[in-house]
Amino acid sequence: MSSSSEHRGLPWGQQFLIADTTARTGLEYYLLVIREDSVISVLSDATNTLNMVTAMGISGKTLRAGDKLFAKKGHKMTNITFASGSAWAYKEDI
């Protein structure tokens, strides 16, 4: 897995490439699209009260290319750390 981060502005929001194991905090994503076999170790909301890894049942599981993870209604994915793999993260423009 390469260490990189890329940002692209899109009409429906912003798209960020997460392709390393660096903890991501501070931005609010509504969708992750997995690019390759990936394992997510941390995924929670802005208040850190919802452990989305547990809630989605993906703890220790390998996600496959093309899998999509949507934030639970009323929540945004804010704290994200990949153990392996990569994904596109989508953030709404406000």
Protein backbone atom coordinates (compact mmCIF):
# COMPACT_ATOMS: atom_id res chain seq x y z
CA MET A 1 0.00 0.00 0.00
CA SER A 2 1.45 3.36 -0.96
CA SER A 3 1.42 6.41 1.27
CA SER A 4 -0.69 8.95 -0.50
CA SER A 5 -3.59 11.27 -0.12
CA GLU A 6 -5.38 12.96 -2.96
CA HIS A 7 -8.28 15.40 -3.07
CA ARG A 8 -10.61 16.11 -5.97
CA GLY A 9 -13.52 18.54 -6.05
CA LEU A 10 -16.67 17.01 -7.54
CA PRO A 11 -20.14 18.42 -8.24
CA TRP A 12 -21.68 16.33 -5.43
CA GLY A 13 -18.95 16.98 -2.89
CA GLN A 14 -15.28 16.29 -2.41
CA GLN A 15 -13.46 13.02 -2.93
CA PHE A 16 -10.37 12.03 -0.95
CA LEU A 17 -8.09 9.06 -1.49
CA ILE A 18 -7.14 7.22 1.69
CA ALA A 19 -4.25 4.91 0.81
CA ASP A 20 -2.20 4.53 3.97
CA THR A 21 -2.55 3.70 7.66
CA THR A 22 -2.52 7.29 8.91
CA ALA A 23 -5.41 8.17 11.24
CA ARG A 24 -7.84 10.59 9.56
CA THR A 25 -9.76 13.00 11.79
CA GLY A 26 -11.51 16.32 11.40
CA LEU A 27 -13.39 15.85 8.11
CA GLU A 28 -16.89 14.41 7.89
CA TYR A 29 -17.37 11.72 5.25
CA TYR A 30 -20.71 10.22 4.28
CA LEU A 31 -19.42 7.42 2.02
CA LEU A 32 -16.36 5.19 1.65
CA VAL A 33 -15.81 3.25 -1.58
CA ILE A 34 -13.24 0.49 -1.12
CA ARG A 35 -10.60 0.34 -3.90
CA GLU A 36 -8.82 -2.92 -3.01
CA ASP A 37 -8.90 -5.58 -0.29
CA SER A 38 -8.98 -3.48 2.89
CA VAL A 39 -9.33 -3.77 6.65
CA ILE A 40 -10.55 -0.77 8.67
CA SER A 41 -9.37 -0.63 12.27
CA VAL A 42 -11.06 2.62 13.36
CA LEU A 43 -14.28 4.14 12.04
CA SER A 44 -16.37 6.37 14.26
CA ASP A 45 -18.53 9.47 14.19
CA ALA A 46 -17.65 13.05 15.13
CA THR A 47 -18.68 12.59 18.75
CA ASN A 48 -16.74 9.31 18.98
CA THR A 49 -19.87 7.75 20.50
CA LEU A 50 -20.67 5.39 17.61
CA ASN A 51 -18.09 2.71 16.84
CA MET A 52 -19.02 2.10 13.20
CA VAL A 53 -16.61 -0.85 12.86
CA THR A 54 -18.68 -2.71 15.47
CA ALA A 55 -22.05 -1.35 14.34
CA MET A 56 -21.40 -2.43 10.73
CA GLY A 57 -20.00 -5.82 11.78
CA ILE A 58 -16.71 -5.29 9.92
CA SER A 59 -14.27 -5.75 12.80
CA GLY A 60 -11.30 -7.76 11.50
CA LYS A 61 -13.08 -8.43 8.19
CA THR A 62 -11.59 -7.84 4.76
CA LEU A 63 -13.65 -5.49 2.63
CA ARG A 64 -13.46 -6.03 -1.14
CA ALA A 65 -12.96 -3.60 -4.01
CA GLY A 66 -16.26 -1.91 -4.82
CA ASP A 67 -17.75 -2.31 -1.34
CA LYS A 68 -19.51 0.85 -0.17
CA LEU A 69 -19.89 1.98 3.43
CA PHE A 70 -22.45 4.69 4.10
CA ALA A 71 -22.62 6.64 7.35
CA LYS A 72 -25.61 5.86 9.52
CA LYS A 73 -28.43 8.39 9.10
CA GLY A 74 -27.69 11.47 11.19
CA HIS A 75 -23.99 10.60 11.50
CA LYS A 76 -20.82 11.23 9.51
CA MET A 77 -17.67 9.13 9.47
CA THR A 78 -15.01 11.33 11.05
CA ASN A 79 -12.32 9.14 12.58
CA ILE A 80 -10.95 6.65 10.04
CA THR A 81 -7.87 4.44 10.19
CA PHE A 82 -7.11 1.66 7.72
CA ALA A 83 -5.04 -1.35 8.81
CA SER A 84 -4.55 -2.15 5.12
CA GLY A 85 -5.96 -1.26 1.72
CA SER A 86 -7.41 1.96 0.38
CA ALA A 87 -10.67 3.76 -0.34
CA TRP A 88 -12.20 6.88 -1.78
CA ALA A 89 -13.85 8.95 0.96
CA TYR A 90 -16.63 11.35 -0.01
CA LYS A 91 -17.39 14.59 1.84
CA GLU A 92 -20.36 16.83 1.14
CA ASP A 93 -19.69 20.44 0.26
CA ILE A 94 -21.48 22.88 2.50
